[in-house]
């Protein structure tokens, strides 16, 4: 199978969840957000939010950057270029 198709399959699987779509839209609008900010916005526990973020990061939908003790998530370059207009 073409690697591009496998990559797209992973992205669509990662976004095929209501909570993860909420996370995507929130980060798209804010540019970056911490786990706590995201959890509060989508009204979900920190551990559950973290699990969703890991799935999205593994699918190359999100990237993260740690600043001091806070981890911020933002759209990956691929998502910003190819997905932000769709969602």
PDB file of N, CA and C in Angstrom:
ATOM      1  N   UNK A   1       0.848  -1.186   0.000  1.00  0.00           N
ATOM      2  CA  UNK A   1       0.000   0.000   0.000  1.00  0.00           C
ATOM      3  C   UNK A   1       0.887   1.241   0.000  1.00  0.00           C
ATOM      4  N   UNK A   2       0.471   2.216  -0.724  1.00  0.00           N
ATOM      5  CA  UNK A   2       1.176   3.489  -0.819  1.00  0.00           C
ATOM      6  C   UNK A   2       1.308   4.117   0.573  1.00  0.00           C
ATOM      7  N   UNK A   3       2.517   4.613   0.903  1.00  0.00           N
ATOM      8  CA  UNK A   3       2.748   5.242   2.212  1.00  0.00           C
ATOM      9  C   UNK A   3       1.849   6.447   2.437  1.00  0.00           C
ATOM     10  N   UNK A   4       1.565   7.173   1.365  1.00  0.00           N
ATOM     11  CA  UNK A   4       0.690   8.343   1.468  1.00  0.00           C
ATOM     12  C   UNK A   4      -0.714   7.938   1.921  1.00  0.00           C
ATOM     13  N   UNK A   5      -1.196   6.835   1.383  1.00  0.00           N
ATOM     14  CA  UNK A   5      -2.523   6.357   1.751  1.00  0.00           C
ATOM     15  C   UNK A   5      -2.531   5.890   3.201  1.00  0.00           C
ATOM     16  N   UNK A   6      -1.472   5.201   3.625  1.00  0.00           N
ATOM     17  CA  UNK A   6      -1.377   4.763   5.022  1.00  0.00           C
ATOM     18  C   UNK A   6      -1.359   5.967   5.962  1.00  0.00           C
ATOM     19  N   UNK A   7      -0.631   6.990   5.564  1.00  0.00           N
ATOM     20  CA  UNK A   7      -0.558   8.203   6.373  1.00  0.00           C
ATOM     21  C   UNK A   7      -1.936   8.859   6.484  1.00  0.00           C
ATOM     22  N   UNK A   8      -2.629   8.967   5.368  1.00  0.00           N
ATOM     23  CA  UNK A   8      -3.977   9.551   5.375  1.00  0.00           C
ATOM     24  C   UNK A   8      -4.940   8.721   6.213  1.00  0.00           C
ATOM     25  N   UNK A   9      -4.805   7.407   6.130  1.00  0.00           N
ATOM     26  CA  UNK A   9      -5.661   6.533   6.928  1.00  0.00           C
ATOM     27  C   UNK A   9      -5.462   6.808   8.422  1.00  0.00           C
ATOM     28  N   UNK A  10      -4.212   6.956   8.829  1.00  0.00           N
ATOM     29  CA  UNK A  10      -3.915   7.254  10.229  1.00  0.00           C
ATOM     30  C   UNK A  10      -4.473   8.598  10.659  1.00  0.00           C
ATOM     31  N   UNK A  11      -4.367   9.581   9.788  1.00  0.00           N
ATOM     32  CA  UNK A  11      -4.889  10.918  10.092  1.00  0.00           C
ATOM     33  C   UNK A  11      -6.407  10.884  10.237  1.00  0.00           C
ATOM     34  N   UNK A  12      -7.086  10.231   9.294  1.00  0.00           N
ATOM     35  CA  UNK A  12      -8.546  10.173   9.369  1.00  0.00           C
ATOM     36  C   UNK A  12      -9.010   9.359  10.573  1.00  0.00           C
ATOM     37  N   UNK A  13      -8.267   8.315  10.917  1.00  0.00           N
ATOM     38  CA  UNK A  13      -8.605   7.534  12.111  1.00  0.00           C
ATOM     39  C   UNK A  13      -8.451   8.411  13.361  1.00  0.00           C
ATOM     40  N   UNK A  14      -7.381   9.192  13.396  1.00  0.00           N
ATOM     41  CA  UNK A  14      -7.138  10.068  14.549  1.00  0.00           C
ATOM     42  C   UNK A  14      -8.206  11.150  14.667  1.00  0.00           C
ATOM     43  N   UNK A  15      -8.726  11.594  13.551  1.00  0.00           N
ATOM     44  CA  UNK A  15      -9.734  12.659  13.579  1.00  0.00           C
ATOM     45  C   UNK A  15     -11.161  12.123  13.573  1.00  0.00           C
ATOM     46  N   UNK A  16     -11.309  10.807  13.529  1.00  0.00           N
ATOM     47  CA  UNK A  16     -12.627  10.194  13.483  1.00  0.00           C
ATOM     48  C   UNK A  16     -13.257  10.043  14.859  1.00  0.00           C
ATOM     49  N   UNK A  17     -13.122  11.049  15.671  1.00  0.00           N
ATOM     50  CA  UNK A  17     -13.642  11.035  17.032  1.00  0.00           C
ATOM     51  C   UNK A  17     -14.083  12.455  17.377  1.00  0.00           C
ATOM     52  N   UNK A  18     -15.246  12.563  17.971  1.00  0.00           N
ATOM     53  CA  UNK A  18     -15.816  13.888  18.277  1.00  0.00           C
ATOM     54  C   UNK A  18     -14.894  14.731  19.154  1.00  0.00           C
ATOM     55  N   UNK A  19     -14.316  14.129  20.181  1.00  0.00           N
ATOM     56  CA  UNK A  19     -13.429  14.870  21.084  1.00  0.00           C
ATOM     57  C   UNK A  19     -12.177  15.344  20.356  1.00  0.00           C
ATOM     58  N   UNK A  20     -11.613  14.487  19.525  1.00  0.00           N
ATOM     59  CA  UNK A  20     -10.392  14.878  18.813  1.00  0.00           C
ATOM     60  C   UNK A  20     -10.675  15.959  17.775  1.00  0.00           C
ATOM     61  N   UNK A  21     -11.862  15.939  17.187  1.00  0.00           N
ATOM     62  CA  UNK A  21     -12.233  17.037  16.286  1.00  0.00           C
ATOM     63  C   UNK A  21     -12.371  18.344  17.065  1.00  0.00           C
ATOM     64  N   UNK A  22     -12.923  18.259  18.271  1.00  0.00           N
ATOM     65  CA  UNK A  22     -13.011  19.459  19.118  1.00  0.00           C
ATOM     66  C   UNK A  22     -11.616  19.978  19.449  1.00  0.00           C
ATOM     67  N   UNK A  23     -10.714  19.070  19.770  1.00  0.00           N
ATOM     68  CA  UNK A  23      -9.334  19.454  20.080  1.00  0.00           C
ATOM     69  C   UNK A  23      -8.696  20.120  18.875  1.00  0.00           C
ATOM     70  N   UNK A  24      -8.875  19.518  17.696  1.00  0.00           N
ATOM     71  CA  UNK A  24      -8.285  20.075  16.476  1.00  0.00           C
ATOM     72  C   UNK A  24      -8.770  21.503  16.257  1.00  0.00           C
ATOM     73  N   UNK A  25     -10.070  21.714  16.328  1.00  0.00           N
ATOM     74  CA  UNK A  25     -10.622  23.057  16.097  1.00  0.00           C
ATOM     75  C   UNK A  25     -10.142  24.066  17.140  1.00  0.00           C
ATOM     76  N   UNK A  26     -10.079  23.623  18.384  1.00  0.00           N
ATOM     77  CA  UNK A  26      -9.628  24.518  19.453  1.00  0.00           C
ATOM     78  C   UNK A  26      -8.187  24.958  19.216  1.00  0.00           C
ATOM     79  N   UNK A  27      -7.324  24.006  18.910  1.00  0.00           N
ATOM     80  CA  UNK A  27      -5.915  24.344  18.677  1.00  0.00           C
ATOM     81  C   UNK A  27      -5.768  25.166  17.402  1.00  0.00           C
ATOM     82  N   UNK A  28      -6.548  24.847  16.401  1.00  0.00           N
ATOM     83  CA  UNK A  28      -6.504  25.630  15.155  1.00  0.00           C
ATOM     84  C   UNK A  28      -6.823  27.100  15.439  1.00  0.00           C
ATOM     85  N   UNK A  29      -7.811  27.349  16.272  1.00  0.00           N
ATOM     86  CA  UNK A  29      -8.212  28.722  16.587  1.00  0.00           C
ATOM     87  C   UNK A  29      -7.244  29.424  17.525  1.00  0.00           C
ATOM     88  N   UNK A  30      -6.678  28.681  18.475  1.00  0.00           N
ATOM     89  CA  UNK A  30      -5.780  29.287  19.471  1.00  0.00           C
ATOM     90  C   UNK A  30      -4.322  29.321  19.027  1.00  0.00           C
ATOM     91  N   UNK A  31      -3.977  28.548  18.026  1.00  0.00           N
ATOM     92  CA  UNK A  31      -2.605  28.378  17.517  1.00  0.00           C
ATOM     93  C   UNK A  31      -1.796  27.387  18.348  1.00  0.00           C
ATOM     94  N   UNK A  32      -1.945  27.419  19.680  1.00  0.00           N
ATOM     95  CA  UNK A  32      -1.312  26.425  20.549  1.00  0.00           C
ATOM     96  C   UNK A  32      -2.071  26.418  21.866  1.00  0.00           C
ATOM     97  N   UNK A  33      -2.015  25.276  22.548  1.00  0.00           N
ATOM     98  CA  UNK A  33      -2.730  25.169  23.821  1.00  0.00           C
ATOM     99  C   UNK A  33      -2.089  24.095  24.682  1.00  0.00           C
ATOM    100  N   UNK A  34      -2.174  24.295  25.987  1.00  0.00           N
ATOM    101  CA  UNK A  34      -1.653  23.306  26.932  1.00  0.00           C
ATOM    102  C   UNK A  34      -2.699  22.212  27.148  1.00  0.00           C
ATOM    103  N   UNK A  35      -2.259  21.102  27.715  1.00  0.00           N
ATOM    104  CA  UNK A  35      -3.176  19.997  28.002  1.00  0.00           C
ATOM    105  C   UNK A  35      -4.305  20.479  28.915  1.00  0.00           C
ATOM    106  N   UNK A  36      -3.972  21.256  29.922  1.00  0.00           N
ATOM    107  CA  UNK A  36      -4.982  21.765  30.845  1.00  0.00           C
ATOM    108  C   UNK A  36      -6.006  22.656  30.166  1.00  0.00           C
ATOM    109  N   UNK A  37      -5.545  23.525  29.287  1.00  0.00           N
ATOM    110  CA  UNK A  37      -6.469  24.406  28.553  1.00  0.00           C
ATOM    111  C   UNK A  37      -7.410  23.585  27.675  1.00  0.00           C
ATOM    112  N   UNK A  38      -6.843  22.594  27.008  1.00  0.00           N
ATOM    113  CA  UNK A  38      -7.648  21.746  26.119  1.00  0.00           C
ATOM    114  C   UNK A  38      -8.670  20.958  26.927  1.00  0.00           C
ATOM    115  N   UNK A  39      -8.221  20.345  28.029  1.00  0.00           N
ATOM    116  CA  UNK A  39      -9.117  19.548  28.875  1.00  0.00           C
ATOM    117  C   UNK A  39     -10.277  20.395  29.391  1.00  0.00           C
ATOM    118  N   UNK A  40      -9.971  21.599  29.822  1.00  0.00           N
ATOM    119  CA  UNK A  40     -11.017  22.494  30.321  1.00  0.00           C
ATOM    120  C   UNK A  40     -11.995  22.862  29.211  1.00  0.00           C
ATOM    121  N   UNK A  41     -11.473  23.149  28.030  1.00  0.00           N
ATOM    122  CA  UNK A  41     -12.325  23.560  26.912  1.00  0.00           C
ATOM    123  C   UNK A  41     -13.279  22.449  26.476  1.00  0.00           C
ATOM    124  N   UNK A  42     -12.788  21.215  26.433  1.00  0.00           N
ATOM    125  CA  UNK A  42     -13.646  20.119  25.964  1.00  0.00           C
ATOM    126  C   UNK A  42     -14.315  19.373  27.119  1.00  0.00           C
ATOM    127  N   UNK A  43     -14.120  19.864  28.346  1.00  0.00           N
ATOM    128  CA  UNK A  43     -14.749  19.295  29.540  1.00  0.00           C
ATOM    129  C   UNK A  43     -14.439  17.804  29.688  1.00  0.00           C
ATOM    130  N   UNK A  44     -13.134  17.507  29.747  1.00  0.00           N
ATOM    131  CA  UNK A  44     -12.657  16.134  29.850  1.00  0.00           C
ATOM    132  C   UNK A  44     -11.517  16.098  30.856  1.00  0.00           C
ATOM    133  N   UNK A  45     -11.290  14.959  31.469  1.00  0.00           N
ATOM    134  CA  UNK A  45     -10.208  14.841  32.453  1.00  0.00           C
ATOM    135  C   UNK A  45      -8.848  14.994  31.774  1.00  0.00           C
ATOM    136  N   UNK A  46      -7.847  15.351  32.556  1.00  0.00           N
ATOM    137  CA  UNK A  46      -6.489  15.478  32.012  1.00  0.00           C
ATOM    138  C   UNK A  46      -5.980  14.160  31.428  1.00  0.00           C
ATOM    139  N   UNK A  47      -6.138  13.015  32.121  1.00  0.00           N
ATOM    140  CA  UNK A  47      -5.644  11.756  31.534  1.00  0.00           C
ATOM    141  C   UNK A  47      -6.335  11.403  30.212  1.00  0.00           C
ATOM    142  N   UNK A  48      -7.643  11.597  30.136  1.00  0.00           N
ATOM    143  CA  UNK A  48      -8.369  11.292  28.897  1.00  0.00           C
ATOM    144  C   UNK A  48      -7.943  12.237  27.781  1.00  0.00           C
ATOM    145  N   UNK A  49      -7.780  13.499  28.103  1.00  0.00           N
ATOM    146  CA  UNK A  49      -7.321  14.476  27.109  1.00  0.00           C
ATOM    147  C   UNK A  49      -5.932  14.106  26.616  1.00  0.00           C
ATOM    148  N   UNK A  50      -5.064  13.726  27.520  1.00  0.00           N
ATOM    149  CA  UNK A  50      -3.702  13.331  27.144  1.00  0.00           C
ATOM    150  C   UNK A  50      -3.712  12.141  26.198  1.00  0.00           C
ATOM    151  N   UNK A  51      -4.593  11.174  26.444  1.00  0.00           N
ATOM    152  CA  UNK A  51      -4.681  10.008  25.545  1.00  0.00           C
ATOM    153  C   UNK A  51      -5.080  10.445  24.137  1.00  0.00           C
ATOM    154  N   UNK A  52      -6.041  11.348  24.036  1.00  0.00           N
ATOM    155  CA  UNK A  52      -6.445  11.850  22.721  1.00  0.00           C
ATOM    156  C   UNK A  52      -5.282  12.583  22.039  1.00  0.00           C
ATOM    157  N   UNK A  53      -4.558  13.371  22.794  1.00  0.00           N
ATOM    158  CA  UNK A  53      -3.441  14.133  22.228  1.00  0.00           C
ATOM    159  C   UNK A  53      -2.336  13.213  21.726  1.00  0.00           C
ATOM    160  N   UNK A  54      -2.066  12.135  22.437  1.00  0.00           N
ATOM    161  CA  UNK A  54      -1.046  11.173  22.002  1.00  0.00           C
ATOM    162  C   UNK A  54      -1.456  10.543  20.673  1.00  0.00           C
ATOM    163  N   UNK A  55      -2.715  10.170  20.542  1.00  0.00           N
ATOM    164  CA  UNK A  55      -3.207   9.591  19.283  1.00  0.00           C
ATOM    165  C   UNK A  55      -3.019  10.581  18.144  1.00  0.00           C
ATOM    166  N   UNK A  56      -3.351  11.832  18.384  1.00  0.00           N
ATOM    167  CA  UNK A  56      -3.235  12.852  17.341  1.00  0.00           C
ATOM    168  C   UNK A  56      -1.780  13.148  17.004  1.00  0.00           C
ATOM    169  N   UNK A  57      -0.926  13.113  17.995  1.00  0.00           N
ATOM    170  CA  UNK A  57       0.499  13.354  17.745  1.00  0.00           C
ATOM    171  C   UNK A  57       1.109  12.202  16.947  1.00  0.00           C
ATOM    172  N   UNK A  58       0.769  10.973  17.294  1.00  0.00           N
ATOM    173  CA  UNK A  58       1.297   9.804  16.575  1.00  0.00           C
ATOM    174  C   UNK A  58       0.857   9.792  15.112  1.00  0.00           C
ATOM    175  N   UNK A  59      -0.307  10.353  14.830  1.00  0.00           N
ATOM    176  CA  UNK A  59      -0.824  10.414  13.458  1.00  0.00           C
ATOM    177  C   UNK A  59      -0.304  11.632  12.706  1.00  0.00           C
ATOM    178  N   UNK A  60       0.578  12.406  13.323  1.00  0.00           N
ATOM    179  CA  UNK A  60       1.163  13.612  12.724  1.00  0.00           C
ATOM    180  C   UNK A  60       0.125  14.714  12.488  1.00  0.00           C
ATOM    181  N   UNK A  61      -0.904  14.719  13.314  1.00  0.00           N
ATOM    182  CA  UNK A  61      -1.894  15.789  13.260  1.00  0.00           C
ATOM    183  C   UNK A  61      -1.418  16.957  14.115  1.00  0.00           C
ATOM    184  N   UNK A  62      -0.791  16.630  15.252  1.00  0.00           N
ATOM    185  CA  UNK A  62      -0.295  17.646  16.180  1.00  0.00           C
ATOM    186  C   UNK A  62       1.188  17.464  16.451  1.00  0.00           C
ATOM    187  N   UNK A  63       1.817  18.538  16.842  1.00  0.00           N
ATOM    188  CA  UNK A  63       3.178  18.533  17.375  1.00  0.00           C
ATOM    189  C   UNK A  63       3.106  19.132  18.768  1.00  0.00           C
ATOM    190  N   UNK A  64       4.165  18.938  19.542  1.00  0.00           N
ATOM    191  CA  UNK A  64       4.176  19.521  20.881  1.00  0.00           C
ATOM    192  C   UNK A  64       5.529  20.133  21.178  1.00  0.00           C
ATOM    193  N   UNK A  65       5.505  21.066  22.117  1.00  0.00           N
ATOM    194  CA  UNK A  65       6.725  21.729  22.558  1.00  0.00           C
ATOM    195  C   UNK A  65       6.600  21.959  24.056  1.00  0.00           C
ATOM    196  N   UNK A  66       7.647  21.603  24.775  1.00  0.00           N
ATOM    197  CA  UNK A  66       7.643  21.817  26.217  1.00  0.00           C
ATOM    198  C   UNK A  66       8.347  23.123  26.535  1.00  0.00           C
ATOM    199  N   UNK A  67       7.688  23.936  27.344  1.00  0.00           N
ATOM    200  CA  UNK A  67       8.259  25.184  27.837  1.00  0.00           C
ATOM    201  C   UNK A  67       8.168  25.139  29.353  1.00  0.00           C
ATOM    202  N   UNK A  68       9.305  24.997  29.995  1.00  0.00           N
ATOM    203  CA  UNK A  68       9.373  24.830  31.446  1.00  0.00           C
ATOM    204  C   UNK A  68       8.610  23.560  31.813  1.00  0.00           C
ATOM    205  N   UNK A  69       7.563  23.667  32.604  1.00  0.00           N
ATOM    206  CA  UNK A  69       6.818  22.471  33.005  1.00  0.00           C
ATOM    207  C   UNK A  69       5.531  22.275  32.207  1.00  0.00           C
ATOM    208  N   UNK A  70       5.284  23.132  31.243  1.00  0.00           N
ATOM    209  CA  UNK A  70       4.050  23.075  30.464  1.00  0.00           C
ATOM    210  C   UNK A  70       4.327  22.568  29.057  1.00  0.00           C
ATOM    211  N   UNK A  71       3.494  21.624  28.606  1.00  0.00           N
ATOM    212  CA  UNK A  71       3.584  21.107  27.241  1.00  0.00           C
ATOM    213  C   UNK A  71       2.486  21.776  26.424  1.00  0.00           C
ATOM    214  N   UNK A  72       2.880  22.366  25.312  1.00  0.00           N
ATOM    215  CA  UNK A  72       1.932  23.014  24.406  1.00  0.00           C
ATOM    216  C   UNK A  72       1.799  22.187  23.139  1.00  0.00           C
ATOM    217  N   UNK A  73       0.577  22.059  22.667  1.00  0.00           N
ATOM    218  CA  UNK A  73       0.297  21.357  21.417  1.00  0.00           C
ATOM    219  C   UNK A  73      -0.096  22.376  20.362  1.00  0.00           C
ATOM    220  N   UNK A  74       0.288  22.090  19.129  1.00  0.00           N
ATOM    221  CA  UNK A  74      -0.046  22.944  17.994  1.00  0.00           C
ATOM    222  C   UNK A  74      -0.189  22.066  16.764  1.00  0.00           C
ATOM    223  N   UNK A  75      -0.809  22.589  15.723  1.00  0.00           N
ATOM    224  CA  UNK A  75      -0.983  21.812  14.501  1.00  0.00           C
ATOM    225  C   UNK A  75       0.367  21.518  13.879  1.00  0.00           C
ATOM    226  N   UNK A  76       0.522  20.291  13.396  1.00  0.00           N
ATOM    227  CA  UNK A  76       1.749  19.940  12.682  1.00  0.00           C
ATOM    228  C   UNK A  76       1.772  20.711  11.364  1.00  0.00           C
ATOM    229  N   UNK A  77       2.941  20.867  10.759  1.00  0.00           N
ATOM    230  CA  UNK A  77       2.994  21.550   9.460  1.00  0.00           C
ATOM    231  C   UNK A  77       2.070  20.900   8.426  1.00  0.00           C
ATOM    232  N   UNK A  78       2.000  19.565   8.437  1.00  0.00           N
ATOM    233  CA  UNK A  78       1.121  18.863   7.494  1.00  0.00           C
ATOM    234  C   UNK A  78      -0.338  19.257   7.732  1.00  0.00           C
ATOM    235  N   UNK A  79      -0.765  19.227   8.979  1.00  0.00           N
ATOM    236  CA  UNK A  79      -2.153  19.570   9.308  1.00  0.00           C
ATOM    237  C   UNK A  79      -2.466  21.010   8.957  1.00  0.00           C
ATOM    238  N   UNK A  80      -1.546  21.874   9.289  1.00  0.00           N
ATOM    239  CA  UNK A  80      -1.766  23.296   9.008  1.00  0.00           C
ATOM    240  C   UNK A  80      -1.950  23.515   7.518  1.00  0.00           C
ATOM    241  N   UNK A  81      -1.135  22.848   6.724  1.00  0.00           N
ATOM    242  CA  UNK A  81      -1.176  23.032   5.273  1.00  0.00           C
ATOM    243  C   UNK A  81      -2.362  22.316   4.630  1.00  0.00           C
ATOM    244  N   UNK A  82      -2.647  21.093   5.068  1.00  0.00           N
ATOM    245  CA  UNK A  82      -3.600  20.251   4.348  1.00  0.00           C
ATOM    246  C   UNK A  82      -4.958  20.050   5.011  1.00  0.00           C
ATOM    247  N   UNK A  83      -5.058  20.255   6.300  1.00  0.00           N
ATOM    248  CA  UNK A  83      -6.312  19.938   6.983  1.00  0.00           C
ATOM    249  C   UNK A  83      -7.052  21.138   7.538  1.00  0.00           C
ATOM    250  N   UNK A  84      -6.356  22.206   7.829  1.00  0.00           N
ATOM    251  CA  UNK A  84      -7.000  23.313   8.547  1.00  0.00           C
ATOM    252  C   UNK A  84      -8.146  23.949   7.762  1.00  0.00           C
ATOM    253  N   UNK A  85      -8.132  23.886   6.449  1.00  0.00           N
ATOM    254  CA  UNK A  85      -9.241  24.439   5.668  1.00  0.00           C
ATOM    255  C   UNK A  85     -10.432  23.490   5.595  1.00  0.00           C
ATOM    256  N   UNK A  86     -10.187  22.208   5.867  1.00  0.00           N
ATOM    257  CA  UNK A  86     -11.261  21.217   5.793  1.00  0.00           C
ATOM    258  C   UNK A  86     -12.065  21.122   7.074  1.00  0.00           C
ATOM    259  N   UNK A  87     -11.402  21.400   8.194  1.00  0.00           N
ATOM    260  CA  UNK A  87     -12.041  21.163   9.493  1.00  0.00           C
ATOM    261  C   UNK A  87     -12.255  22.484  10.215  1.00  0.00           C
TER     262      UNK A  87
END
